[in-house]
């Protein structure tokens, strides 16, 4: 399981760093690992940040996996909903829900919990 934790504001200045981090996340081995972005610490998501997330969702989809978004506040989920891009992601409240979902979807022993 691969989880990227994002804090602060995601705007024109910070979106490129997010894009780079997401690129590294989605390039990491194994390529079939569950990929998630923890947005609980994000207070603002600008259109530039939304574009980065959408590109990452398309990359993940081309790899045959979903990109999970965790813990997004209304400031994060609202832009996703308004644009309809929320349909590109699996939105979950937090890591516990992701782990429960993954444990239910995969055979026992294949999921490694983060330390």
PDB file of N, CA and C in Angstrom:
ATOM      1  N   UNK A   1       0.853  -1.173   0.000  1.00  0.00           N
ATOM      2  CA  UNK A   1       0.000   0.000   0.000  1.00  0.00           C
ATOM      3  C   UNK A   1       0.894   1.230   0.000  1.00  0.00           C
ATOM      4  N   UNK A   2       0.568   2.169  -0.852  1.00  0.00           N
ATOM      5  CA  UNK A   2       1.327   3.407  -0.979  1.00  0.00           C
ATOM      6  C   UNK A   2       0.412   4.569  -0.620  1.00  0.00           C
ATOM      7  N   UNK A   3       0.828   5.386   0.356  1.00  0.00           N
ATOM      8  CA  UNK A   3       0.011   6.513   0.795  1.00  0.00           C
ATOM      9  C   UNK A   3       0.857   7.774   0.775  1.00  0.00           C
ATOM     10  N   UNK A   4       0.370   8.794   0.085  1.00  0.00           N
ATOM     11  CA  UNK A   4       1.003  10.108   0.057  1.00  0.00           C
ATOM     12  C   UNK A   4       0.201  11.021   0.968  1.00  0.00           C
ATOM     13  N   UNK A   5       0.844  11.633   1.943  1.00  0.00           N
ATOM     14  CA  UNK A   5       0.173  12.551   2.864  1.00  0.00           C
ATOM     15  C   UNK A   5       0.453  13.979   2.405  1.00  0.00           C
ATOM     16  N   UNK A   6      -0.626  14.750   2.222  1.00  0.00           N
ATOM     17  CA  UNK A   6      -0.518  16.117   1.735  1.00  0.00           C
ATOM     18  C   UNK A   6      -1.077  17.057   2.800  1.00  0.00           C
ATOM     19  N   UNK A   7      -0.360  18.130   3.083  1.00  0.00           N
ATOM     20  CA  UNK A   7      -0.790  19.127   4.068  1.00  0.00           C
ATOM     21  C   UNK A   7      -0.738  20.519   3.458  1.00  0.00           C
ATOM     22  N   UNK A   8      -1.563  21.417   4.008  1.00  0.00           N
ATOM     23  CA  UNK A   8      -1.528  22.818   3.601  1.00  0.00           C
ATOM     24  C   UNK A   8      -2.462  23.125   2.452  1.00  0.00           C
ATOM     25  N   UNK A   9      -2.062  24.109   1.657  1.00  0.00           N
ATOM     26  CA  UNK A   9      -2.857  24.527   0.509  1.00  0.00           C
ATOM     27  C   UNK A   9      -2.257  23.945  -0.767  1.00  0.00           C
ATOM     28  N   UNK A  10      -3.138  23.509  -1.650  1.00  0.00           N
ATOM     29  CA  UNK A  10      -2.685  23.010  -2.952  1.00  0.00           C
ATOM     30  C   UNK A  10      -3.147  24.037  -3.983  1.00  0.00           C
ATOM     31  N   UNK A  11      -2.197  24.854  -4.423  1.00  0.00           N
ATOM     32  CA  UNK A  11      -2.507  25.943  -5.344  1.00  0.00           C
ATOM     33  C   UNK A  11      -1.463  25.982  -6.453  1.00  0.00           C
ATOM     34  N   UNK A  12      -1.418  27.053  -7.184  1.00  0.00           N
ATOM     35  CA  UNK A  12      -0.501  27.180  -8.319  1.00  0.00           C
ATOM     36  C   UNK A  12       0.955  27.003  -7.912  1.00  0.00           C
ATOM     37  N   UNK A  13       1.303  27.451  -6.719  1.00  0.00           N
ATOM     38  CA  UNK A  13       2.692  27.334  -6.268  1.00  0.00           C
ATOM     39  C   UNK A  13       3.057  25.926  -5.819  1.00  0.00           C
ATOM     40  N   UNK A  14       2.106  25.211  -5.223  1.00  0.00           N
ATOM     41  CA  UNK A  14       2.408  23.900  -4.646  1.00  0.00           C
ATOM     42  C   UNK A  14       1.985  22.717  -5.527  1.00  0.00           C
ATOM     43  N   UNK A  15       1.125  22.968  -6.510  1.00  0.00           N
ATOM     44  CA  UNK A  15       0.633  21.883  -7.369  1.00  0.00           C
ATOM     45  C   UNK A  15       1.763  21.150  -8.100  1.00  0.00           C
ATOM     46  N   UNK A  16       2.798  21.828  -8.599  1.00  0.00           N
ATOM     47  CA  UNK A  16       3.877  21.083  -9.267  1.00  0.00           C
ATOM     48  C   UNK A  16       4.564  20.074  -8.340  1.00  0.00           C
ATOM     49  N   UNK A  17       4.761  20.441  -7.080  1.00  0.00           N
ATOM     50  CA  UNK A  17       5.377  19.507  -6.132  1.00  0.00           C
ATOM     51  C   UNK A  17       4.451  18.321  -5.882  1.00  0.00           C
ATOM     52  N   UNK A  18       3.152  18.580  -5.802  1.00  0.00           N
ATOM     53  CA  UNK A  18       2.190  17.493  -5.650  1.00  0.00           C
ATOM     54  C   UNK A  18       2.234  16.574  -6.869  1.00  0.00           C
ATOM     55  N   UNK A  19       2.296  17.162  -8.051  1.00  0.00           N
ATOM     56  CA  UNK A  19       2.368  16.361  -9.271  1.00  0.00           C
ATOM     57  C   UNK A  19       3.601  15.469  -9.293  1.00  0.00           C
ATOM     58  N   UNK A  20       4.728  16.011  -8.866  1.00  0.00           N
ATOM     59  CA  UNK A  20       5.967  15.232  -8.820  1.00  0.00           C
ATOM     60  C   UNK A  20       5.844  14.083  -7.807  1.00  0.00           C
ATOM     61  N   UNK A  21       5.288  14.380  -6.638  1.00  0.00           N
ATOM     62  CA  UNK A  21       5.127  13.351  -5.607  1.00  0.00           C
ATOM     63  C   UNK A  21       4.152  12.264  -6.064  1.00  0.00           C
ATOM     64  N   UNK A  22       3.076  12.662  -6.730  1.00  0.00           N
ATOM     65  CA  UNK A  22       2.122  11.672  -7.248  1.00  0.00           C
ATOM     66  C   UNK A  22       2.753  10.823  -8.344  1.00  0.00           C
ATOM     67  N   UNK A  23       3.572  11.439  -9.170  1.00  0.00           N
ATOM     68  CA  UNK A  23       4.283  10.686 -10.204  1.00  0.00           C
ATOM     69  C   UNK A  23       5.178   9.613  -9.594  1.00  0.00           C
ATOM     70  N   UNK A  24       5.886   9.976  -8.533  1.00  0.00           N
ATOM     71  CA  UNK A  24       6.742   9.013  -7.839  1.00  0.00           C
ATOM     72  C   UNK A  24       5.906   7.920  -7.183  1.00  0.00           C
ATOM     73  N   UNK A  25       4.789   8.303  -6.585  1.00  0.00           N
ATOM     74  CA  UNK A  25       3.895   7.335  -5.943  1.00  0.00           C
ATOM     75  C   UNK A  25       3.409   6.301  -6.954  1.00  0.00           C
ATOM     76  N   UNK A  26       2.970   6.771  -8.108  1.00  0.00           N
ATOM     77  CA  UNK A  26       2.401   5.880  -9.112  1.00  0.00           C
ATOM     78  C   UNK A  26       3.460   5.103  -9.899  1.00  0.00           C
ATOM     79  N   UNK A  27       4.720   5.514  -9.793  1.00  0.00           N
ATOM     80  CA  UNK A  27       5.812   4.796 -10.444  1.00  0.00           C
ATOM     81  C   UNK A  27       6.443   3.762  -9.520  1.00  0.00           C
ATOM     82  N   UNK A  28       6.096   3.809  -8.241  1.00  0.00           N
ATOM     83  CA  UNK A  28       6.700   2.913  -7.256  1.00  0.00           C
ATOM     84  C   UNK A  28       6.256   1.471  -7.476  1.00  0.00           C
ATOM     85  N   UNK A  29       7.107   0.562  -7.093  1.00  0.00           N
ATOM     86  CA  UNK A  29       6.816  -0.874  -7.184  1.00  0.00           C
ATOM     87  C   UNK A  29       6.143  -1.335  -5.903  1.00  0.00           C
ATOM     88  N   UNK A  30       5.279  -2.306  -5.943  1.00  0.00           N
ATOM     89  CA  UNK A  30       4.740  -2.913  -7.151  1.00  0.00           C
ATOM     90  C   UNK A  30       3.690  -2.013  -7.782  1.00  0.00           C
ATOM     91  N   UNK A  31       3.575  -2.068  -9.086  1.00  0.00           N
ATOM     92  CA  UNK A  31       2.657  -1.173  -9.781  1.00  0.00           C
ATOM     93  C   UNK A  31       1.197  -1.512  -9.539  1.00  0.00           C
ATOM     94  N   UNK A  32       0.930  -2.678  -8.956  1.00  0.00           N
ATOM     95  CA  UNK A  32      -0.456  -3.011  -8.636  1.00  0.00           C
ATOM     96  C   UNK A  32      -0.807  -2.697  -7.177  1.00  0.00           C
ATOM     97  N   UNK A  33       0.110  -2.050  -6.454  1.00  0.00           N
ATOM     98  CA  UNK A  33      -0.158  -1.701  -5.062  1.00  0.00           C
ATOM     99  C   UNK A  33      -1.297  -0.692  -4.969  1.00  0.00           C
ATOM    100  N   UNK A  34      -2.023  -0.756  -3.884  1.00  0.00           N
ATOM    101  CA  UNK A  34      -3.085   0.213  -3.633  1.00  0.00           C
ATOM    102  C   UNK A  34      -2.425   1.574  -3.446  1.00  0.00           C
ATOM    103  N   UNK A  35      -2.939   2.598  -4.136  1.00  0.00           N
ATOM    104  CA  UNK A  35      -2.384   3.949  -4.069  1.00  0.00           C
ATOM    105  C   UNK A  35      -3.416   4.894  -3.482  1.00  0.00           C
ATOM    106  N   UNK A  36      -2.983   5.701  -2.511  1.00  0.00           N
ATOM    107  CA  UNK A  36      -3.900   6.630  -1.857  1.00  0.00           C
ATOM    108  C   UNK A  36      -3.210   7.956  -1.571  1.00  0.00           C
ATOM    109  N   UNK A  37      -4.026   9.013  -1.542  1.00  0.00           N
ATOM    110  CA  UNK A  37      -3.554  10.344  -1.184  1.00  0.00           C
ATOM    111  C   UNK A  37      -4.367  10.790   0.018  1.00  0.00           C
ATOM    112  N   UNK A  38      -3.684  11.029   1.134  1.00  0.00           N
ATOM    113  CA  UNK A  38      -4.342  11.488   2.360  1.00  0.00           C
ATOM    114  C   UNK A  38      -4.403  13.008   2.316  1.00  0.00           C
ATOM    115  N   UNK A  39      -5.609  13.537   2.156  1.00  0.00           N
ATOM    116  CA  UNK A  39      -5.816  14.983   2.022  1.00  0.00           C
ATOM    117  C   UNK A  39      -6.412  15.608   3.277  1.00  0.00           C
ATOM    118  N   UNK A  40      -6.369  14.882   4.390  1.00  0.00           N
ATOM    119  CA  UNK A  40      -6.971  15.379   5.636  1.00  0.00           C
ATOM    120  C   UNK A  40      -6.377  16.717   6.066  1.00  0.00           C
ATOM    121  N   UNK A  41      -5.120  16.951   5.754  1.00  0.00           N
ATOM    122  CA  UNK A  41      -4.455  18.186   6.164  1.00  0.00           C
ATOM    123  C   UNK A  41      -4.543  19.308   5.147  1.00  0.00           C
ATOM    124  N   UNK A  42      -5.302  19.127   4.083  1.00  0.00           N
ATOM    125  CA  UNK A  42      -5.417  20.147   3.033  1.00  0.00           C
ATOM    126  C   UNK A  42      -6.605  21.054   3.336  1.00  0.00           C
ATOM    127  N   UNK A  43      -6.347  22.349   3.387  1.00  0.00           N
ATOM    128  CA  UNK A  43      -7.399  23.317   3.672  1.00  0.00           C
ATOM    129  C   UNK A  43      -7.923  24.042   2.445  1.00  0.00           C
ATOM    130  N   UNK A  44      -7.208  23.912   1.321  1.00  0.00           N
ATOM    131  CA  UNK A  44      -7.613  24.601   0.098  1.00  0.00           C
ATOM    132  C   UNK A  44      -7.105  23.816  -1.100  1.00  0.00           C
ATOM    133  N   UNK A  45      -7.985  23.592  -2.066  1.00  0.00           N
ATOM    134  CA  UNK A  45      -7.620  22.903  -3.300  1.00  0.00           C
ATOM    135  C   UNK A  45      -8.000  23.787  -4.474  1.00  0.00           C
ATOM    136  N   UNK A  46      -6.989  24.379  -5.110  1.00  0.00           N
ATOM    137  CA  UNK A  46      -7.215  25.229  -6.281  1.00  0.00           C
ATOM    138  C   UNK A  46      -7.372  24.366  -7.525  1.00  0.00           C
ATOM    139  N   UNK A  47      -7.795  24.998  -8.608  1.00  0.00           N
ATOM    140  CA  UNK A  47      -7.994  24.267  -9.862  1.00  0.00           C
ATOM    141  C   UNK A  47      -6.695  23.621 -10.345  1.00  0.00           C
ATOM    142  N   UNK A  48      -5.564  24.239 -10.065  1.00  0.00           N
ATOM    143  CA  UNK A  48      -4.283  23.653 -10.467  1.00  0.00           C
ATOM    144  C   UNK A  48      -4.018  22.352  -9.710  1.00  0.00           C
ATOM    145  N   UNK A  49      -4.389  22.303  -8.452  1.00  0.00           N
ATOM    146  CA  UNK A  49      -4.256  21.078  -7.665  1.00  0.00           C
ATOM    147  C   UNK A  49      -5.233  20.017  -8.125  1.00  0.00           C
ATOM    148  N   UNK A  50      -6.443  20.450  -8.457  1.00  0.00           N
ATOM    149  CA  UNK A  50      -7.453  19.532  -8.978  1.00  0.00           C
ATOM    150  C   UNK A  50      -6.969  18.899 -10.282  1.00  0.00           C
ATOM    151  N   UNK A  51      -6.362  19.695 -11.139  1.00  0.00           N
ATOM    152  CA  UNK A  51      -5.839  19.181 -12.411  1.00  0.00           C
ATOM    153  C   UNK A  51      -4.764  18.123 -12.180  1.00  0.00           C
ATOM    154  N   UNK A  52      -3.913  18.347 -11.184  1.00  0.00           N
ATOM    155  CA  UNK A  52      -2.868  17.377 -10.852  1.00  0.00           C
ATOM    156  C   UNK A  52      -3.488  16.066 -10.384  1.00  0.00           C
ATOM    157  N   UNK A  53      -4.500  16.156  -9.537  1.00  0.00           N
ATOM    158  CA  UNK A  53      -5.180  14.949  -9.048  1.00  0.00           C
ATOM    159  C   UNK A  53      -5.857  14.199 -10.194  1.00  0.00           C
ATOM    160  N   UNK A  54      -6.468  14.930 -11.103  1.00  0.00           N
ATOM    161  CA  UNK A  54      -7.145  14.298 -12.242  1.00  0.00           C
ATOM    162  C   UNK A  54      -6.137  13.574 -13.127  1.00  0.00           C
ATOM    163  N   UNK A  55      -5.000  14.210 -13.408  1.00  0.00           N
ATOM    164  CA  UNK A  55      -3.959  13.546 -14.204  1.00  0.00           C
ATOM    165  C   UNK A  55      -3.478  12.267 -13.510  1.00  0.00           C
ATOM    166  N   UNK A  56      -3.323  12.337 -12.202  1.00  0.00           N
ATOM    167  CA  UNK A  56      -2.880  11.160 -11.449  1.00  0.00           C
ATOM    168  C   UNK A  56      -3.929  10.051 -11.509  1.00  0.00           C
ATOM    169  N   UNK A  57      -5.201  10.419 -11.456  1.00  0.00           N
ATOM    170  CA  UNK A  57      -6.273   9.415 -11.555  1.00  0.00           C
ATOM    171  C   UNK A  57      -6.229   8.720 -12.910  1.00  0.00           C
ATOM    172  N   UNK A  58      -5.973   9.467 -13.970  1.00  0.00           N
ATOM    173  CA  UNK A  58      -5.871   8.871 -15.304  1.00  0.00           C
ATOM    174  C   UNK A  58      -4.659   7.951 -15.402  1.00  0.00           C
ATOM    175  N   UNK A  59      -3.549   8.363 -14.799  1.00  0.00           N
ATOM    176  CA  UNK A  59      -2.357   7.517 -14.790  1.00  0.00           C
ATOM    177  C   UNK A  59      -2.639   6.218 -14.045  1.00  0.00           C
ATOM    178  N   UNK A  60      -3.255   6.334 -12.876  1.00  0.00           N
ATOM    179  CA  UNK A  60      -3.587   5.144 -12.089  1.00  0.00           C
ATOM    180  C   UNK A  60      -4.523   4.230 -12.876  1.00  0.00           C
ATOM    181  N   UNK A  61      -5.506   4.814 -13.527  1.00  0.00           N
ATOM    182  CA  UNK A  61      -6.453   4.032 -14.320  1.00  0.00           C
ATOM    183  C   UNK A  61      -5.743   3.288 -15.451  1.00  0.00           C
ATOM    184  N   UNK A  62      -4.783   3.953 -16.082  1.00  0.00           N
ATOM    185  CA  UNK A  62      -4.039   3.290 -17.163  1.00  0.00           C
ATOM    186  C   UNK A  62      -3.197   2.132 -16.632  1.00  0.00           C
ATOM    187  N   UNK A  63      -2.911   2.152 -15.329  1.00  0.00           N
ATOM    188  CA  UNK A  63      -2.180   1.065 -14.684  1.00  0.00           C
ATOM    189  C   UNK A  63      -3.129  -0.026 -14.187  1.00  0.00           C
ATOM    190  N   UNK A  64      -4.420   0.220 -14.328  1.00  0.00           N
ATOM    191  CA  UNK A  64      -5.402  -0.758 -13.890  1.00  0.00           C
ATOM    192  C   UNK A  64      -5.736  -0.694 -12.420  1.00  0.00           C
ATOM    193  N   UNK A  65      -5.529   0.471 -11.800  1.00  0.00           N
ATOM    194  CA  UNK A  65      -5.850   0.599 -10.382  1.00  0.00           C
ATOM    195  C   UNK A  65      -6.548   1.917 -10.105  1.00  0.00           C
ATOM    196  N   UNK A  66      -7.181   1.965  -8.965  1.00  0.00           N
ATOM    197  CA  UNK A  66      -7.879   3.177  -8.546  1.00  0.00           C
ATOM    198  C   UNK A  66      -6.936   4.038  -7.713  1.00  0.00           C
ATOM    199  N   UNK A  67      -7.177   5.329  -7.735  1.00  0.00           N
ATOM    200  CA  UNK A  67      -6.471   6.244  -6.848  1.00  0.00           C
ATOM    201  C   UNK A  67      -7.457   6.639  -5.759  1.00  0.00           C
ATOM    202  N   UNK A  68      -7.139   6.327  -4.522  1.00  0.00           N
ATOM    203  CA  UNK A  68      -8.006   6.607  -3.390  1.00  0.00           C
ATOM    204  C   UNK A  68      -7.644   7.959  -2.789  1.00  0.00           C
ATOM    205  N   UNK A  69      -8.653   8.755  -2.488  1.00  0.00           N
ATOM    206  CA  UNK A  69      -8.454  10.013  -1.778  1.00  0.00           C
ATOM    207  C   UNK A  69      -9.023   9.849  -0.382  1.00  0.00           C
ATOM    208  N   UNK A  70      -8.235  10.197   0.618  1.00  0.00           N
ATOM    209  CA  UNK A  70      -8.617   9.991   2.009  1.00  0.00           C
ATOM    210  C   UNK A  70      -8.802  11.302   2.743  1.00  0.00           C
ATOM    211  N   UNK A  71      -9.838  11.356   3.566  1.00  0.00           N
ATOM    212  CA  UNK A  71     -10.005  12.416   4.547  1.00  0.00           C
ATOM    213  C   UNK A  71     -10.147  13.827   4.042  1.00  0.00           C
ATOM    214  N   UNK A  72     -10.635  14.011   2.867  1.00  0.00           N
ATOM    215  CA  UNK A  72     -10.770  15.363   2.338  1.00  0.00           C
ATOM    216  C   UNK A  72     -11.853  16.162   3.035  1.00  0.00           C
ATOM    217  N   UNK A  73     -11.530  17.395   3.372  1.00  0.00           N
ATOM    218  CA  UNK A  73     -12.511  18.312   3.960  1.00  0.00           C
ATOM    219  C   UNK A  73     -13.436  18.815   2.855  1.00  0.00           C
ATOM    220  N   UNK A  74     -14.420  19.585   3.224  1.00  0.00           N
ATOM    221  CA  UNK A  74     -15.339  20.173   2.243  1.00  0.00           C
ATOM    222  C   UNK A  74     -14.578  21.043   1.238  1.00  0.00           C
ATOM    223  N   UNK A  75     -13.513  21.690   1.687  1.00  0.00           N
ATOM    224  CA  UNK A  75     -12.701  22.516   0.791  1.00  0.00           C
ATOM    225  C   UNK A  75     -12.052  21.685  -0.302  1.00  0.00           C
ATOM    226  N   UNK A  76     -11.877  20.400  -0.049  1.00  0.00           N
ATOM    227  CA  UNK A  76     -11.288  19.497  -1.029  1.00  0.00           C
ATOM    228  C   UNK A  76     -12.364  18.785  -1.842  1.00  0.00           C
ATOM    229  N   UNK A  77     -13.376  18.290  -1.171  1.00  0.00           N
ATOM    230  CA  UNK A  77     -14.383  17.502  -1.881  1.00  0.00           C
ATOM    231  C   UNK A  77     -15.300  18.354  -2.746  1.00  0.00           C
ATOM    232  N   UNK A  78     -15.537  19.582  -2.372  1.00  0.00           N
ATOM    233  CA  UNK A  78     -16.440  20.447  -3.145  1.00  0.00           C
ATOM    234  C   UNK A  78     -15.957  20.654  -4.582  1.00  0.00           C
ATOM    235  N   UNK A  79     -14.694  21.030  -4.814  1.00  0.00           N
ATOM    236  CA  UNK A  79     -14.237  21.170  -6.207  1.00  0.00           C
ATOM    237  C   UNK A  79     -14.337  19.864  -6.993  1.00  0.00           C
ATOM    238  N   UNK A  80     -14.093  18.752  -6.323  1.00  0.00           N
ATOM    239  CA  UNK A  80     -14.215  17.453  -6.995  1.00  0.00           C
ATOM    240  C   UNK A  80     -15.657  17.195  -7.415  1.00  0.00           C
ATOM    241  N   UNK A  81     -16.596  17.485  -6.518  1.00  0.00           N
ATOM    242  CA  UNK A  81     -18.010  17.255  -6.802  1.00  0.00           C
ATOM    243  C   UNK A  81     -18.534  18.189  -7.886  1.00  0.00           C
ATOM    244  N   UNK A  82     -18.193  19.465  -7.802  1.00  0.00           N
ATOM    245  CA  UNK A  82     -18.686  20.466  -8.747  1.00  0.00           C
ATOM    246  C   UNK A  82     -18.249  20.143 -10.172  1.00  0.00           C
ATOM    247  N   UNK A  83     -17.038  19.658 -10.311  1.00  0.00           N
ATOM    248  CA  UNK A  83     -16.512  19.357 -11.642  1.00  0.00           C
ATOM    249  C   UNK A  83     -16.857  17.942 -12.113  1.00  0.00           C
ATOM    250  N   UNK A  84     -17.404  17.129 -11.223  1.00  0.00           N
ATOM    251  CA  UNK A  84     -17.715  15.752 -11.565  1.00  0.00           C
ATOM    252  C   UNK A  84     -16.509  14.844 -11.523  1.00  0.00           C
ATOM    253  N   UNK A  85     -15.360  15.382 -11.175  1.00  0.00           N
ATOM    254  CA  UNK A  85     -14.143  14.570 -11.144  1.00  0.00           C
ATOM    255  C   UNK A  85     -14.092  13.647  -9.932  1.00  0.00           C
ATOM    256  N   UNK A  86     -15.022  13.796  -8.999  1.00  0.00           N
ATOM    257  CA  UNK A  86     -15.075  12.864  -7.866  1.00  0.00           C
ATOM    258  C   UNK A  86     -15.300  11.437  -8.341  1.00  0.00           C
ATOM    259  N   UNK A  87     -15.869  11.278  -9.547  1.00  0.00           N
ATOM    260  CA  UNK A  87     -16.122   9.958 -10.109  1.00  0.00           C
ATOM    261  C   UNK A  87     -14.831   9.238 -10.516  1.00  0.00           C
ATOM    262  N   UNK A  88     -13.729   9.968 -10.596  1.00  0.00           N
ATOM    263  CA  UNK A  88     -12.449   9.385 -10.977  1.00  0.00           C
ATOM    264  C   UNK A  88     -11.733   8.715  -9.817  1.00  0.00           C
ATOM    265  N   UNK A  89     -12.196   8.980  -8.607  1.00  0.00           N
ATOM    266  CA  UNK A  89     -11.499   8.540  -7.405  1.00  0.00           C
ATOM    267  C   UNK A  89     -12.404   7.683  -6.527  1.00  0.00           C
ATOM    268  N   UNK A  90     -11.772   6.938  -5.639  1.00  0.00           N
ATOM    269  CA  UNK A  90     -12.480   6.310  -4.540  1.00  0.00           C
ATOM    270  C   UNK A  90     -12.265   7.228  -3.344  1.00  0.00           C
ATOM    271  N   UNK A  91     -13.324   7.894  -2.887  1.00  0.00           N
ATOM    272  CA  UNK A  91     -13.231   8.826  -1.774  1.00  0.00           C
ATOM    273  C   UNK A  91     -13.586   8.097  -0.481  1.00  0.00           C
ATOM    274  N   UNK A  92     -12.681   8.159   0.487  1.00  0.00           N
ATOM    275  CA  UNK A  92     -12.894   7.492   1.765  1.00  0.00           C
ATOM    276  C   UNK A  92     -12.534   8.444   2.904  1.00  0.00           C
ATOM    277  N   UNK A  93     -13.178   8.264   4.063  1.00  0.00           N
ATOM    278  CA  UNK A  93     -12.913   9.167   5.193  1.00  0.00           C
ATOM    279  C   UNK A  93     -11.482   9.118   5.719  1.00  0.00           C
ATOM    280  N   UNK A  94     -10.851   7.955   5.686  1.00  0.00           N
ATOM    281  CA  UNK A  94      -9.501   7.875   6.230  1.00  0.00           C
ATOM    282  C   UNK A  94      -8.841   6.535   5.962  1.00  0.00           C
ATOM    283  N   UNK A  95      -7.663   6.371   6.537  1.00  0.00           N
ATOM    284  CA  UNK A  95      -6.862   5.168   6.320  1.00  0.00           C
ATOM    285  C   UNK A  95      -7.558   3.919   6.846  1.00  0.00           C
ATOM    286  N   UNK A  96      -8.246   4.011   7.959  1.00  0.00           N
ATOM    287  CA  UNK A  96      -8.935   2.837   8.522  1.00  0.00           C
ATOM    288  C   UNK A  96      -9.953   2.278   7.528  1.00  0.00           C
ATOM    289  N   UNK A  97     -10.691   3.166   6.875  1.00  0.00           N
ATOM    290  CA  UNK A  97     -11.683   2.723   5.892  1.00  0.00           C
ATOM    291  C   UNK A  97     -11.012   2.114   4.660  1.00  0.00           C
ATOM    292  N   UNK A  98      -9.879   2.667   4.274  1.00  0.00           N
ATOM    293  CA  UNK A  98      -9.137   2.105   3.146  1.00  0.00           C
ATOM    294  C   UNK A  98      -8.637   0.708   3.490  1.00  0.00           C
ATOM    295  N   UNK A  99      -8.076   0.556   4.671  1.00  0.00           N
ATOM    296  CA  UNK A  99      -7.579  -0.755   5.079  1.00  0.00           C
ATOM    297  C   UNK A  99      -8.702  -1.778   5.145  1.00  0.00           C
ATOM    298  N   UNK A 100      -9.856  -1.377   5.659  1.00  0.00           N
ATOM    299  CA  UNK A 100     -11.004  -2.282   5.717  1.00  0.00           C
ATOM    300  C   UNK A 100     -11.443  -2.681   4.315  1.00  0.00           C
ATOM    301  N   UNK A 101     -11.453  -1.723   3.403  1.00  0.00           N
ATOM    302  CA  UNK A 101     -11.861  -2.002   2.022  1.00  0.00           C
ATOM    303  C   UNK A 101     -10.856  -2.924   1.338  1.00  0.00           C
ATOM    304  N   UNK A 102      -9.592  -2.653   1.511  1.00  0.00           N
ATOM    305  CA  UNK A 102      -8.556  -3.460   0.883  1.00  0.00           C
ATOM    306  C   UNK A 102      -8.576  -4.867   1.451  1.00  0.00           C
ATOM    307  N   UNK A 103      -8.723  -5.000   2.761  1.00  0.00           N
ATOM    308  CA  UNK A 103      -8.782  -6.324   3.379  1.00  0.00           C
ATOM    309  C   UNK A 103      -9.961  -7.113   2.839  1.00  0.00           C
ATOM    310  N   UNK A 104     -11.068  -6.442   2.538  1.00  0.00           N
ATOM    311  CA  UNK A 104     -12.234  -7.129   2.002  1.00  0.00           C
ATOM    312  C   UNK A 104     -12.099  -7.489   0.536  1.00  0.00           C
ATOM    313  N   UNK A 105     -11.247  -6.764  -0.208  1.00  0.00           N
ATOM    314  CA  UNK A 105     -11.102  -6.975  -1.649  1.00  0.00           C
ATOM    315  C   UNK A 105      -9.998  -7.956  -2.024  1.00  0.00           C
ATOM    316  N   UNK A 106      -9.060  -8.161  -1.136  1.00  0.00           N
ATOM    317  CA  UNK A 106      -7.896  -8.976  -1.484  1.00  0.00           C
ATOM    318  C   UNK A 106      -7.793 -10.192  -0.573  1.00  0.00           C
ATOM    319  N   UNK A 107      -7.175 -11.238  -1.076  1.00  0.00           N
ATOM    320  CA  UNK A 107      -6.961 -12.411  -0.239  1.00  0.00           C
ATOM    321  C   UNK A 107      -6.088 -12.070   0.967  1.00  0.00           C
ATOM    322  N   UNK A 108      -6.313 -12.754   2.059  1.00  0.00           N
ATOM    323  CA  UNK A 108      -5.539 -12.519   3.279  1.00  0.00           C
ATOM    324  C   UNK A 108      -4.057 -12.695   2.992  1.00  0.00           C
ATOM    325  N   UNK A 109      -3.241 -11.850   3.604  1.00  0.00           N
ATOM    326  CA  UNK A 109      -1.801 -11.960   3.469  1.00  0.00           C
ATOM    327  C   UNK A 109      -1.199 -11.110   2.377  1.00  0.00           C
ATOM    328  N   UNK A 110      -1.999 -10.513   1.518  1.00  0.00           N
ATOM    329  CA  UNK A 110      -1.451  -9.700   0.425  1.00  0.00           C
ATOM    330  C   UNK A 110      -1.330  -8.237   0.796  1.00  0.00           C
ATOM    331  N   UNK A 111      -1.977  -7.813   1.861  1.00  0.00           N
ATOM    332  CA  UNK A 111      -1.962  -6.403   2.238  1.00  0.00           C
ATOM    333  C   UNK A 111      -0.941  -6.184   3.351  1.00  0.00           C
ATOM    334  N   UNK A 112      -0.049  -5.245   3.119  1.00  0.00           N
ATOM    335  CA  UNK A 112       0.906  -4.873   4.155  1.00  0.00           C
ATOM    336  C   UNK A 112       0.469  -3.533   4.720  1.00  0.00           C
ATOM    337  N   UNK A 113       0.281  -3.482   6.008  1.00  0.00           N
ATOM    338  CA  UNK A 113      -0.127  -2.250   6.654  1.00  0.00           C
ATOM    339  C   UNK A 113       1.090  -1.338   6.835  1.00  0.00           C
ATOM    340  N   UNK A 114       0.878  -0.014   6.662  1.00  0.00           N
ATOM    341  CA  UNK A 114       2.019   0.889   6.859  1.00  0.00           C
ATOM    342  C   UNK A 114       2.477   0.864   8.313  1.00  0.00           C
ATOM    343  N   UNK A 115       3.781   1.058   8.526  1.00  0.00           N
ATOM    344  CA  UNK A 115       4.309   1.066   9.900  1.00  0.00           C
ATOM    345  C   UNK A 115       3.935   2.341  10.615  1.00  0.00           C
TER     346      UNK A 115
END
